[in-house]
Amino acid sequence: MLANKGYEVTLWGRDVLVVDAINTTKHHPKYLTDVVINPAVNATCDLEAAADGADVVVMATPSHVTRETLSRLSDGIRGETVVVSLAKGIEEHSLKRMSQVMREVLRPEMRNRVAILSGPNHAEEVSRSIPSATVISSPSQSIANQLQDIFMTPYFRVYTNPDLTGVEMGGAVKNVIAIAAGISDGLGFGDNTKASLLTRGLAEMIRLGTAMGADARTFAGLAGIGDLVVTCMSQHSRNRRVGEMLGKGMNLTRIYAEMNMVAEGIRTASAVAKLAEEYRIDMPITENVRNVLYLDKNALECVSELMSRGAVEEMQGVEWEAD
C-alpha cells in the first residue's frame, strides 16, 4: 500500500526463500499468493540494513517477539525516525502493551516517537484495495498527524486518537473474544450466541480498559467495536479460527501444528486474564477462554458456566427511576 503511494519500502524477513521469492517474482510464496507486490518493494534478511536510514520503521512482528526484534535495532534508530507497531497483543511475561515495550527498548530521546496502528484491517482486504479504516495513536499529536498523512489512501482511511491505552487494549482484548466467538461457531451455536458474546465481550474490554486509564469512548470506535466485529465474524480471522478448532474438540498442541500463522489471542488470553486479576476486574469470557486454552477445560462446560452465572444488571451502577 505504501509503495503504491510512491514511498520507498524495504521488507525484512527471516526466511531467505521467502525474501528471494518476493524480490524475483513479486509474490509472497506462502501468504496472499495472488497479490502482486509493487516492483519498488525490496526484501532483505538483513534486519539492520532494512531499517537503516528509514523515516518510519513499521513493526509487523507478533507481540511476543517485538521486544527482541526492536532491541536489535534500538541503537541504530534515532533522530527523526518514527516507530509504528501493528501488533495487537500484550507481552505475556511483563503484561506490557506494545507502546510500553517500544518506549522501554528505544533510546530515551525516541520514546515519544512511537505509535500504534489498529483497527479492522485484515490484510486479505487491504492488499486488494478494499475500502478500510484504521486508527493511529501516539503520545505525540504531531507524530500521529504525520503518520495519518503517510498511511492515508483513497481506500485506506486513517483517524487519529490520543488514547494509547484504549487503542491497544481494544486490539488485544478483541482477539480473546474472537476465540470465544470461534468456540461458539465450532460448537454449532447461532447468531444469537455470537451477538451475545460480542456484546458482553465489549463490556469486558471497557471494564478493563477504563480501569487501566483508557477513555471509554475509544471502545466505541474502530480499535474497539470495529475491530471486535470483524475479528469475531470474518473467515479471515485467525483468532476466530483457533476458537472454532477448540469448539470442535482440538487441543492447543494440535492447533499449533495445523496453523502456519500467529494468532495473537492465544498468548494474549493469558496476559489479559492476569491483568483482570491485577485490576480486580470481572472478565468471565476471557477467563473461560484461558481455561479452555491452557487448562484443557471442556468448551461446552464453559458455555454452561457462563449461562448459569448469577443474575446481574446490564447497566450496573445506574439507578432505577422508581422502585
C-alpha atoms as a PDB file:
ATOM      1  CA  MET A   1       0.000   0.000   0.000  1.00  0.00           C
ATOM      2  CA  LEU A   2       2.795   2.433   0.920  1.00  0.00           C
ATOM      3  CA  ALA A   3       4.826   1.528  -2.141  1.00  0.00           C
ATOM      4  CA  ASN A   4       1.765   2.152  -4.298  1.00  0.00           C
ATOM      5  CA  LYS A   5       1.733   5.683  -2.849  1.00  0.00           C
ATOM      6  CA  GLY A   6       5.305   6.175  -4.045  1.00  0.00           C
ATOM      7  CA  TYR A   7       7.196   5.526  -0.808  1.00  0.00           C
ATOM      8  CA  GLU A   8      10.422   3.534  -0.873  1.00  0.00           C
ATOM      9  CA  VAL A   9       9.706   0.350   1.087  1.00  0.00           C
ATOM     10  CA  THR A  10      12.055  -2.361   2.367  1.00  0.00           C
ATOM     11  CA  LEU A  11      10.695  -5.535   3.936  1.00  0.00           C
ATOM     12  CA  TRP A  12      12.645  -7.620   6.423  1.00  0.00           C
ATOM     13  CA  GLY A  13      12.052 -11.373   6.509  1.00  0.00           C
ATOM     14  CA  ARG A  14      13.695 -14.247   8.357  1.00  0.00           C
ATOM     15  CA  ASP A  15      13.228 -16.838   5.588  1.00  0.00           C
ATOM     16  CA  VAL A  16      15.701 -16.429   2.722  1.00  0.00           C
ATOM     17  CA  LEU A  17      13.428 -18.386   0.355  1.00  0.00           C
ATOM     18  CA  VAL A  18      10.535 -16.009   1.028  1.00  0.00           C
ATOM     19  CA  VAL A  19      12.769 -12.963   0.624  1.00  0.00           C
ATOM     20  CA  ASP A  20      14.154 -14.264  -2.668  1.00  0.00           C
ATOM     21  CA  ALA A  21      10.661 -15.038  -3.960  1.00  0.00           C
ATOM     22  CA  ILE A  22       9.421 -11.536  -3.130  1.00  0.00           C
ATOM     23  CA  ASN A  23      12.388  -9.963  -4.909  1.00  0.00           C
ATOM     24  CA  THR A  24      12.246 -12.166  -8.005  1.00  0.00           C
ATOM     25  CA  THR A  25       8.548 -12.937  -8.519  1.00  0.00           C
ATOM     26  CA  LYS A  26       6.876 -10.058  -6.636  1.00  0.00           C
ATOM     27  CA  HIS A  27       4.593 -12.569  -4.944  1.00  0.00           C
ATOM     28  CA  HIS A  28       4.728 -13.965  -1.418  1.00  0.00           C
ATOM     29  CA  PRO A  29       5.102 -17.760  -1.772  1.00  0.00           C
ATOM     30  CA  LYS A  30       3.006 -18.581   1.338  1.00  0.00           C
ATOM     31  CA  TYR A  31       0.503 -15.806   2.104  1.00  0.00           C
ATOM     32  CA  LEU A  32      -1.748 -13.753  -0.192  1.00  0.00           C
ATOM     33  CA  THR A  33      -0.046 -15.526  -3.063  1.00  0.00           C
ATOM     34  CA  ASP A  34      -2.240 -13.916  -5.736  1.00  0.00           C
ATOM     35  CA  VAL A  35      -1.442 -10.358  -4.600  1.00  0.00           C
ATOM     36  CA  VAL A  36       1.127  -8.612  -6.814  1.00  0.00           C
ATOM     37  CA  ILE A  37       3.737  -6.779  -4.728  1.00  0.00           C
ATOM     38  CA  ASN A  38       4.779  -3.385  -6.063  1.00  0.00           C
ATOM     39  CA  PRO A  39       8.049  -3.763  -8.040  1.00  0.00           C
ATOM     40  CA  ALA A  40       9.580  -0.957  -5.939  1.00  0.00           C
ATOM     41  CA  VAL A  41       9.388  -3.089  -2.768  1.00  0.00           C
ATOM     42  CA  ASN A  42      12.680  -4.734  -1.840  1.00  0.00           C
ATOM     43  CA  ALA A  43      13.049  -7.546   0.700  1.00  0.00           C
ATOM     44  CA  THR A  44      16.092  -8.486   2.759  1.00  0.00           C
ATOM     45  CA  CYS A  45      17.147 -10.885   5.526  1.00  0.00           C
ATOM     46  CA  ASP A  46      19.392  -8.180   6.999  1.00  0.00           C
ATOM     47  CA  LEU A  47      17.319  -6.529   9.731  1.00  0.00           C
ATOM     48  CA  GLU A  48      19.711  -3.664  10.409  1.00  0.00           C
ATOM     49  CA  ALA A  49      20.020  -2.884   6.698  1.00  0.00           C
ATOM     50  CA  ALA A  50      16.234  -2.891   6.308  1.00  0.00           C
ATOM     51  CA  ALA A  51      15.841  -0.163   8.949  1.00  0.00           C
ATOM     52  CA  ASP A  52      18.954   1.820   8.098  1.00  0.00           C
ATOM     53  CA  GLY A  53      18.044   5.407   7.211  1.00  0.00           C
ATOM     54  CA  ALA A  54      14.289   4.740   7.393  1.00  0.00           C
ATOM     55  CA  ASP A  55      11.972   7.635   8.199  1.00  0.00           C
ATOM     56  CA  VAL A  56       9.376   5.174   9.525  1.00  0.00           C
ATOM     57  CA  VAL A  57      10.024   1.708  10.966  1.00  0.00           C
ATOM     58  CA  VAL A  58       6.853  -0.422  10.954  1.00  0.00           C
ATOM     59  CA  MET A  59       6.976  -3.327  13.406  1.00  0.00           C
ATOM     60  CA  ALA A  60       4.746  -6.054  11.955  1.00  0.00           C
ATOM     61  CA  THR A  61       6.242  -8.706  14.243  1.00  0.00           C
ATOM     62  CA  PRO A  62       3.990 -10.602  16.694  1.00  0.00           C
ATOM     63  CA  SER A  63       3.835  -9.130  20.176  1.00  0.00           C
ATOM     64  CA  HIS A  64       5.902 -11.876  21.816  1.00  0.00           C
ATOM     65  CA  VAL A  65       8.962 -11.081  19.652  1.00  0.00           C
ATOM     66  CA  THR A  66       8.580  -7.298  19.390  1.00  0.00           C
ATOM     67  CA  ARG A  67      10.977  -6.585  22.267  1.00  0.00           C
ATOM     68  CA  GLU A  68      13.645  -8.954  20.939  1.00  0.00           C
ATOM     69  CA  THR A  69      13.406  -7.667  17.368  1.00  0.00           C
ATOM     70  CA  LEU A  70      13.359  -3.988  18.271  1.00  0.00           C
ATOM     71  CA  SER A  71      16.283  -4.467  20.674  1.00  0.00           C
ATOM     72  CA  ARG A  72      18.423  -5.413  17.693  1.00  0.00           C
ATOM     73  CA  LEU A  73      17.544  -2.087  16.067  1.00  0.00           C
ATOM     74  CA  SER A  74      17.386   0.278  19.039  1.00  0.00           C
ATOM     75  CA  ASP A  75      20.921   1.647  18.834  1.00  0.00           C
ATOM     76  CA  GLY A  76      20.508   2.486  15.164  1.00  0.00           C
ATOM     77  CA  ILE A  77      17.094   4.171  15.479  1.00  0.00           C
ATOM     78  CA  ARG A  78      17.489   7.831  16.330  1.00  0.00           C
ATOM     79  CA  GLY A  79      16.849  11.340  15.089  1.00  0.00           C
ATOM     80  CA  GLU A  80      13.631  11.872  13.164  1.00  0.00           C
ATOM     81  CA  THR A  81      12.677   8.197  12.763  1.00  0.00           C
ATOM     82  CA  VAL A  82       9.201   7.115  13.893  1.00  0.00           C
ATOM     83  CA  VAL A  83       8.456   3.547  15.076  1.00  0.00           C
ATOM     84  CA  VAL A  84       4.950   2.146  14.481  1.00  0.00           C
ATOM     85  CA  SER A  85       3.654  -1.148  15.900  1.00  0.00           C
ATOM     86  CA  LEU A  86       0.939  -3.188  14.182  1.00  0.00           C
ATOM     87  CA  ALA A  87       0.906  -5.947  16.836  1.00  0.00           C
ATOM     88  CA  LYS A  88      -2.357  -6.461  18.730  1.00  0.00           C
ATOM     89  CA  GLY A  89      -1.261  -8.198  21.883  1.00  0.00           C
ATOM     90  CA  ILE A  90       0.160  -7.912  25.389  1.00  0.00           C
ATOM     91  CA  GLU A  91       3.682  -9.031  26.301  1.00  0.00           C
ATOM     92  CA  GLU A  92       2.961 -12.165  28.301  1.00  0.00           C
ATOM     93  CA  HIS A  93       5.666 -12.070  30.967  1.00  0.00           C
ATOM     94  CA  SER A  94       5.578  -8.301  31.670  1.00  0.00           C
ATOM     95  CA  LEU A  95       1.882  -7.609  30.868  1.00  0.00           C
ATOM     96  CA  LYS A  96       3.033  -4.504  28.975  1.00  0.00           C
ATOM     97  CA  ARG A  97       1.384  -3.034  25.905  1.00  0.00           C
ATOM     98  CA  MET A  98       3.462  -2.671  22.736  1.00  0.00           C
ATOM     99  CA  SER A  99       3.893   1.093  23.148  1.00  0.00           C
ATOM    100  CA  GLN A 100       5.303   0.469  26.622  1.00  0.00           C
ATOM    101  CA  VAL A 101       7.694  -2.152  25.256  1.00  0.00           C
ATOM    102  CA  MET A 102       8.863   0.191  22.494  1.00  0.00           C
ATOM    103  CA  ARG A 103       9.402   3.076  24.903  1.00  0.00           C
ATOM    104  CA  GLU A 104      11.459   0.817  27.170  1.00  0.00           C
ATOM    105  CA  VAL A 105      13.659  -0.519  24.381  1.00  0.00           C
ATOM    106  CA  LEU A 106      14.293   2.629  22.345  1.00  0.00           C
ATOM    107  CA  ARG A 107      16.818   5.313  23.228  1.00  0.00           C
ATOM    108  CA  PRO A 108      15.409   7.939  25.662  1.00  0.00           C
ATOM    109  CA  GLU A 109      15.084  10.661  23.012  1.00  0.00           C
ATOM    110  CA  MET A 110      12.952   8.319  20.855  1.00  0.00           C
ATOM    111  CA  ARG A 111      10.341   7.429  23.450  1.00  0.00           C
ATOM    112  CA  ASN A 112       7.690   9.854  22.220  1.00  0.00           C
ATOM    113  CA  ARG A 113       8.346   8.945  18.581  1.00  0.00           C
ATOM    114  CA  VAL A 114       6.286   5.760  18.760  1.00  0.00           C
ATOM    115  CA  ALA A 115       2.798   4.975  17.511  1.00  0.00           C
ATOM    116  CA  ILE A 116       0.207   2.208  17.291  1.00  0.00           C
ATOM    117  CA  LEU A 117      -1.866   1.429  14.195  1.00  0.00           C
ATOM    118  CA  SER A 118      -5.005  -0.578  14.937  1.00  0.00           C
ATOM    119  CA  GLY A 119      -8.445  -1.262  13.536  1.00  0.00           C
ATOM    120  CA  PRO A 120     -10.467  -3.655  11.344  1.00  0.00           C
ATOM    121  CA  ASN A 121      -7.659  -4.115   8.815  1.00  0.00           C
ATOM    122  CA  HIS A 122      -7.424  -7.690   7.547  1.00  0.00           C
ATOM    123  CA  ALA A 123      -4.547  -7.865   5.074  1.00  0.00           C
ATOM    124  CA  GLU A 124      -6.620 -10.011   2.709  1.00  0.00           C
ATOM    125  CA  GLU A 125      -8.749  -6.924   2.014  1.00  0.00           C
ATOM    126  CA  VAL A 126      -6.301  -4.022   2.440  1.00  0.00           C
ATOM    127  CA  SER A 127      -3.925  -5.674  -0.043  1.00  0.00           C
ATOM    128  CA  ARG A 128      -6.725  -5.712  -2.620  1.00  0.00           C
ATOM    129  CA  SER A 129      -7.627  -2.024  -2.132  1.00  0.00           C
ATOM    130  CA  ILE A 130     -10.962  -2.857  -0.499  1.00  0.00           C
ATOM    131  CA  PRO A 131     -12.100   0.259   1.454  1.00  0.00           C
ATOM    132  CA  SER A 132     -10.971   0.067   5.089  1.00  0.00           C
ATOM    133  CA  ALA A 133     -10.377   2.416   8.010  1.00  0.00           C
ATOM    134  CA  THR A 134      -7.850   2.470  10.832  1.00  0.00           C
ATOM    135  CA  VAL A 135      -6.706   4.432  13.890  1.00  0.00           C
ATOM    136  CA  ILE A 136      -3.257   5.762  14.718  1.00  0.00           C
ATOM    137  CA  SER A 137      -2.409   6.586  18.326  1.00  0.00           C
ATOM    138  CA  SER A 138       0.768   8.156  19.672  1.00  0.00           C
ATOM    139  CA  PRO A 139       1.963  10.173  22.680  1.00  0.00           C
ATOM    140  CA  SER A 140       2.669  12.941  20.152  1.00  0.00           C
ATOM    141  CA  GLN A 141      -0.098  14.616  18.150  1.00  0.00           C
ATOM    142  CA  SER A 142       2.386  15.772  15.508  1.00  0.00           C
ATOM    143  CA  ILE A 143       3.645  12.201  15.034  1.00  0.00           C
ATOM    144  CA  ALA A 144       0.068  10.918  14.764  1.00  0.00           C
ATOM    145  CA  ASN A 145      -0.739  13.586  12.168  1.00  0.00           C
ATOM    146  CA  GLN A 146       2.430  12.801  10.222  1.00  0.00           C
ATOM    147  CA  LEU A 147       1.555   9.099  10.089  1.00  0.00           C
ATOM    148  CA  GLN A 148      -2.061   9.862   9.219  1.00  0.00           C
ATOM    149  CA  ASP A 149      -0.809  11.641   6.115  1.00  0.00           C
ATOM    150  CA  ILE A 150       1.616   8.835   5.226  1.00  0.00           C
ATOM    151  CA  PHE A 151      -0.876   5.979   5.553  1.00  0.00           C
ATOM    152  CA  MET A 152      -3.971   7.683   4.134  1.00  0.00           C
ATOM    153  CA  THR A 153      -5.064   6.493   0.687  1.00  0.00           C
ATOM    154  CA  PRO A 154      -8.357   6.663  -1.251  1.00  0.00           C
ATOM    155  CA  TYR A 155      -9.189   3.177   0.057  1.00  0.00           C
ATOM    156  CA  PHE A 156      -7.491   3.289   3.482  1.00  0.00           C
ATOM    157  CA  ARG A 157      -8.933   5.994   5.724  1.00  0.00           C
ATOM    158  CA  VAL A 158      -6.875   6.920   8.787  1.00  0.00           C
ATOM    159  CA  TYR A 159      -8.134   8.522  12.003  1.00  0.00           C
ATOM    160  CA  THR A 160      -6.042   9.687  14.967  1.00  0.00           C
ATOM    161  CA  ASN A 161      -6.748   9.067  18.657  1.00  0.00           C
ATOM    162  CA  PRO A 162      -4.604  10.209  21.626  1.00  0.00           C
ATOM    163  CA  ASP A 163      -5.817   7.312  23.823  1.00  0.00           C
ATOM    164  CA  LEU A 164      -2.904   4.874  23.509  1.00  0.00           C
ATOM    165  CA  THR A 165      -4.155   2.624  26.290  1.00  0.00           C
ATOM    166  CA  GLY A 166      -7.636   2.319  24.816  1.00  0.00           C
ATOM    167  CA  VAL A 167      -6.446   1.687  21.259  1.00  0.00           C
ATOM    168  CA  GLU A 168      -4.014  -1.001  22.403  1.00  0.00           C
ATOM    169  CA  MET A 169      -6.352  -2.718  24.847  1.00  0.00           C
ATOM    170  CA  GLY A 170      -9.107  -2.791  22.249  1.00  0.00           C
ATOM    171  CA  GLY A 171      -6.771  -4.502  19.804  1.00  0.00           C
ATOM    172  CA  ALA A 172      -5.594  -7.024  22.393  1.00  0.00           C
ATOM    173  CA  VAL A 173      -8.860  -7.978  24.097  1.00  0.00           C
ATOM    174  CA  LYS A 174     -10.822  -8.362  20.858  1.00  0.00           C
ATOM    175  CA  ASN A 175      -8.562 -11.281  19.888  1.00  0.00           C
ATOM    176  CA  VAL A 176      -9.530 -13.124  23.065  1.00  0.00           C
ATOM    177  CA  ILE A 177     -13.231 -12.501  22.466  1.00  0.00           C
ATOM    178  CA  ALA A 178     -12.773 -13.670  18.858  1.00  0.00           C
ATOM    179  CA  ILE A 179     -11.536 -17.013  20.168  1.00  0.00           C
ATOM    180  CA  ALA A 180     -14.745 -17.235  22.221  1.00  0.00           C
ATOM    181  CA  ALA A 181     -16.767 -16.427  19.094  1.00  0.00           C
ATOM    182  CA  GLY A 182     -14.931 -19.155  17.224  1.00  0.00           C
ATOM    183  CA  ILE A 183     -15.662 -21.640  20.015  1.00  0.00           C
ATOM    184  CA  SER A 184     -19.327 -20.772  19.560  1.00  0.00           C
ATOM    185  CA  ASP A 185     -19.003 -21.499  15.832  1.00  0.00           C
ATOM    186  CA  GLY A 186     -17.202 -24.765  16.499  1.00  0.00           C
ATOM    187  CA  LEU A 187     -19.955 -25.879  18.876  1.00  0.00           C
ATOM    188  CA  GLY A 188     -22.555 -25.118  16.218  1.00  0.00           C
ATOM    189  CA  PHE A 189     -24.270 -22.263  18.019  1.00  0.00           C
ATOM    190  CA  GLY A 190     -26.016 -19.430  16.192  1.00  0.00           C
ATOM    191  CA  ASP A 191     -26.147 -15.706  15.635  1.00  0.00           C
ATOM    192  CA  ASN A 192     -27.817 -15.005  18.985  1.00  0.00           C
ATOM    193  CA  THR A 193     -24.916 -16.632  20.808  1.00  0.00           C
ATOM    194  CA  LYS A 194     -22.261 -14.764  18.874  1.00  0.00           C
ATOM    195  CA  ALA A 195     -24.024 -11.411  19.236  1.00  0.00           C
ATOM    196  CA  SER A 196     -24.243 -12.003  22.985  1.00  0.00           C
ATOM    197  CA  LEU A 197     -20.535 -12.883  23.167  1.00  0.00           C
ATOM    198  CA  LEU A 198     -19.548  -9.756  21.228  1.00  0.00           C
ATOM    199  CA  THR A 199     -21.674  -7.516  23.410  1.00  0.00           C
ATOM    200  CA  ARG A 200     -20.570  -8.964  26.725  1.00  0.00           C
ATOM    201  CA  GLY A 201     -17.006  -9.180  25.431  1.00  0.00           C
ATOM    202  CA  LEU A 202     -17.142  -5.473  24.673  1.00  0.00           C
ATOM    203  CA  ALA A 203     -18.288  -4.900  28.256  1.00  0.00           C
ATOM    204  CA  GLU A 204     -15.215  -6.783  29.488  1.00  0.00           C
ATOM    205  CA  MET A 205     -12.990  -4.733  27.199  1.00  0.00           C
ATOM    206  CA  ILE A 206     -14.427  -1.476  28.535  1.00  0.00           C
ATOM    207  CA  ARG A 207     -14.213  -2.540  32.183  1.00  0.00           C
ATOM    208  CA  LEU A 208     -10.546  -3.485  31.975  1.00  0.00           C
ATOM    209  CA  GLY A 209      -9.552  -0.662  29.638  1.00  0.00           C
ATOM    210  CA  THR A 210     -11.079   2.093  31.733  1.00  0.00           C
ATOM    211  CA  ALA A 211      -9.574   0.604  34.905  1.00  0.00           C
ATOM    212  CA  MET A 212      -6.196   0.937  33.174  1.00  0.00           C
ATOM    213  CA  GLY A 213      -6.873   4.586  32.318  1.00  0.00           C
ATOM    214  CA  ALA A 214      -8.416   4.334  28.855  1.00  0.00           C
ATOM    215  CA  ASP A 215     -11.235   6.544  27.588  1.00  0.00           C
ATOM    216  CA  ALA A 216     -14.463   4.516  27.260  1.00  0.00           C
ATOM    217  CA  ARG A 217     -15.254   6.333  24.003  1.00  0.00           C
ATOM    218  CA  THR A 218     -12.312   4.631  22.283  1.00  0.00           C
ATOM    219  CA  PHE A 219     -14.063   1.270  22.572  1.00  0.00           C
ATOM    220  CA  ALA A 220     -16.996   2.611  20.540  1.00  0.00           C
ATOM    221  CA  GLY A 221     -14.546   3.314  17.705  1.00  0.00           C
ATOM    222  CA  LEU A 222     -12.544   1.435  15.104  1.00  0.00           C
ATOM    223  CA  ALA A 223      -9.991  -0.006  17.534  1.00  0.00           C
ATOM    224  CA  GLY A 224     -12.795  -1.234  19.800  1.00  0.00           C
ATOM    225  CA  ILE A 225     -16.135  -2.381  18.420  1.00  0.00           C
ATOM    226  CA  GLY A 226     -14.912  -2.047  14.814  1.00  0.00           C
ATOM    227  CA  ASP A 227     -12.046  -4.488  15.205  1.00  0.00           C
ATOM    228  CA  LEU A 228     -14.072  -6.688  17.544  1.00  0.00           C
ATOM    229  CA  VAL A 229     -16.824  -7.204  14.960  1.00  0.00           C
ATOM    230  CA  VAL A 230     -14.519  -8.048  12.064  1.00  0.00           C
ATOM    231  CA  THR A 231     -12.320 -10.393  14.109  1.00  0.00           C
ATOM    232  CA  CYS A 232     -15.261 -12.278  15.569  1.00  0.00           C
ATOM    233  CA  MET A 233     -17.184 -12.575  12.286  1.00  0.00           C
ATOM    234  CA  SER A 234     -14.644 -12.892   9.486  1.00  0.00           C
ATOM    235  CA  GLN A 235     -13.471 -16.088   7.824  1.00  0.00           C
ATOM    236  CA  HIS A 236     -10.066 -14.364   7.547  1.00  0.00           C
ATOM    237  CA  SER A 237      -9.732 -14.175  11.350  1.00  0.00           C
ATOM    238  CA  ARG A 238      -7.015 -16.444  12.735  1.00  0.00           C
ATOM    239  CA  ASN A 239      -8.262 -15.997  16.299  1.00  0.00           C
ATOM    240  CA  ARG A 240     -11.823 -16.921  15.391  1.00  0.00           C
ATOM    241  CA  ARG A 241     -10.412 -19.974  13.576  1.00  0.00           C
ATOM    242  CA  VAL A 242      -8.474 -21.035  16.691  1.00  0.00           C
ATOM    243  CA  GLY A 243     -11.694 -20.863  18.681  1.00  0.00           C
ATOM    244  CA  GLU A 244     -13.566 -22.860  16.062  1.00  0.00           C
ATOM    245  CA  MET A 245     -10.973 -25.636  16.303  1.00  0.00           C
ATOM    246  CA  LEU A 246     -11.235 -25.565  20.111  1.00  0.00           C
ATOM    247  CA  GLY A 247     -15.006 -25.826  19.855  1.00  0.00           C
ATOM    248  CA  LYS A 248     -14.602 -28.900  17.656  1.00  0.00           C
ATOM    249  CA  GLY A 249     -12.513 -30.575  20.338  1.00  0.00           C
ATOM    250  CA  MET A 250      -8.927 -29.916  19.217  1.00  0.00           C
ATOM    251  CA  ASN A 251      -6.324 -29.142  21.866  1.00  0.00           C
ATOM    252  CA  LEU A 252      -3.739 -26.375  21.682  1.00  0.00           C
ATOM    253  CA  THR A 253      -0.906 -28.692  20.613  1.00  0.00           C
ATOM    254  CA  ARG A 254      -2.847 -29.849  17.560  1.00  0.00           C
ATOM    255  CA  ILE A 255      -3.954 -26.308  16.745  1.00  0.00           C
ATOM    256  CA  TYR A 256      -0.346 -25.080  16.742  1.00  0.00           C
ATOM    257  CA  ALA A 257       0.579 -27.959  14.428  1.00  0.00           C
ATOM    258  CA  GLU A 258      -2.163 -27.064  11.948  1.00  0.00           C
ATOM    259  CA  MET A 259      -1.687 -23.265  11.877  1.00  0.00           C
ATOM    260  CA  ASN A 260       1.023 -21.562   9.847  1.00  0.00           C
ATOM    261  CA  MET A 261       0.382 -18.042  11.142  1.00  0.00           C
ATOM    262  CA  VAL A 262       0.382 -16.445  14.596  1.00  0.00           C
ATOM    263  CA  ALA A 263      -2.943 -15.969  16.383  1.00  0.00           C
ATOM    264  CA  GLU A 264      -2.231 -13.264  18.964  1.00  0.00           C
ATOM    265  CA  GLY A 265      -5.215 -14.200  21.112  1.00  0.00           C
ATOM    266  CA  ILE A 266      -3.633 -17.474  22.269  1.00  0.00           C
ATOM    267  CA  ARG A 267      -0.900 -15.762  24.293  1.00  0.00           C
ATOM    268  CA  THR A 268      -2.960 -12.654  24.960  1.00  0.00           C
ATOM    269  CA  ALA A 269      -5.731 -14.626  26.693  1.00  0.00           C
ATOM    270  CA  SER A 270      -3.331 -15.477  29.491  1.00  0.00           C
ATOM    271  CA  ALA A 271      -1.963 -11.932  29.728  1.00  0.00           C
ATOM    272  CA  VAL A 272      -5.402 -10.267  29.724  1.00  0.00           C
ATOM    273  CA  ALA A 273      -6.682 -12.699  32.373  1.00  0.00           C
ATOM    274  CA  LYS A 274      -3.690 -11.790  34.557  1.00  0.00           C
ATOM    275  CA  LEU A 275      -4.379  -8.079  34.040  1.00  0.00           C
ATOM    276  CA  ALA A 276      -8.016  -8.649  35.022  1.00  0.00           C
ATOM    277  CA  GLU A 277      -6.835 -10.277  38.256  1.00  0.00           C
ATOM    278  CA  GLU A 278      -4.369  -7.450  38.892  1.00  0.00           C
ATOM    279  CA  TYR A 279      -7.046  -4.779  38.421  1.00  0.00           C
ATOM    280  CA  ARG A 280      -9.759  -6.889  40.068  1.00  0.00           C
ATOM    281  CA  ILE A 281     -11.987  -6.761  37.009  1.00  0.00           C
ATOM    282  CA  ASP A 282     -14.621  -9.428  36.336  1.00  0.00           C
ATOM    283  CA  MET A 283     -13.953 -10.903  32.865  1.00  0.00           C
ATOM    284  CA  PRO A 284     -15.736 -14.276  32.734  1.00  0.00           C
ATOM    285  CA  ILE A 285     -15.479 -14.744  28.945  1.00  0.00           C
ATOM    286  CA  THR A 286     -11.736 -14.067  28.993  1.00  0.00           C
ATOM    287  CA  GLU A 287     -11.268 -16.348  31.994  1.00  0.00           C
ATOM    288  CA  ASN A 288     -13.082 -19.196  30.276  1.00  0.00           C
ATOM    289  CA  VAL A 289     -11.116 -18.771  27.038  1.00  0.00           C
ATOM    290  CA  ARG A 290      -7.907 -19.031  29.062  1.00  0.00           C
ATOM    291  CA  ASN A 291      -9.226 -22.147  30.803  1.00  0.00           C
ATOM    292  CA  VAL A 292     -10.087 -23.841  27.512  1.00  0.00           C
ATOM    293  CA  LEU A 293      -6.684 -22.952  26.034  1.00  0.00           C
ATOM    294  CA  TYR A 294      -4.420 -23.763  28.947  1.00  0.00           C
ATOM    295  CA  LEU A 295      -6.348 -25.966  31.372  1.00  0.00           C
ATOM    296  CA  ASP A 296      -7.979 -28.211  28.726  1.00  0.00           C
ATOM    297  CA  LYS A 297     -11.367 -27.290  30.102  1.00  0.00           C
ATOM    298  CA  ASN A 298     -14.301 -28.537  28.051  1.00  0.00           C
ATOM    299  CA  ALA A 299     -15.656 -25.718  25.877  1.00  0.00           C
ATOM    300  CA  LEU A 300     -19.286 -26.761  26.293  1.00  0.00           C
ATOM    301  CA  GLU A 301     -18.877 -26.798  30.083  1.00  0.00           C
ATOM    302  CA  CYS A 302     -17.552 -23.230  29.916  1.00  0.00           C
ATOM    303  CA  VAL A 303     -20.614 -22.131  27.950  1.00  0.00           C
ATOM    304  CA  SER A 304     -22.843 -23.756  30.558  1.00  0.00           C
ATOM    305  CA  GLU A 305     -20.985 -21.921  33.333  1.00  0.00           C
ATOM    306  CA  LEU A 306     -21.308 -18.589  31.554  1.00  0.00           C
ATOM    307  CA  MET A 307     -25.038 -19.076  31.013  1.00  0.00           C
ATOM    308  CA  SER A 308     -25.726 -20.188  34.598  1.00  0.00           C
ATOM    309  CA  ARG A 309     -23.880 -17.363  36.362  1.00  0.00           C
ATOM    310  CA  GLY A 310     -25.875 -15.382  38.921  1.00  0.00           C
ATOM    311  CA  ALA A 311     -28.325 -12.794  37.594  1.00  0.00           C
ATOM    312  CA  VAL A 312     -26.894  -9.274  37.255  1.00  0.00           C
ATOM    313  CA  GLU A 313     -27.905  -5.896  35.838  1.00  0.00           C
ATOM    314  CA  GLU A 314     -26.584  -4.996  32.398  1.00  0.00           C
ATOM    315  CA  MET A 315     -26.044  -1.334  33.377  1.00  0.00           C
ATOM    316  CA  GLN A 316     -24.510  -1.761  36.809  1.00  0.00           C
ATOM    317  CA  GLY A 317     -24.353   1.443  38.834  1.00  0.00           C
ATOM    318  CA  VAL A 318     -27.273   3.121  37.004  1.00  0.00           C
ATOM    319  CA  GLU A 319     -30.174   3.999  39.299  1.00  0.00           C
ATOM    320  CA  TRP A 320     -33.739   2.911  38.588  1.00  0.00           C
ATOM    321  CA  GLU A 321     -36.330   5.633  38.122  1.00  0.00           C
ATOM    322  CA  ALA A 322     -38.682   4.069  40.678  1.00  0.00           C
ATOM    323  CA  ASP A 323     -38.966   1.068  42.975  1.00  0.00           C
END
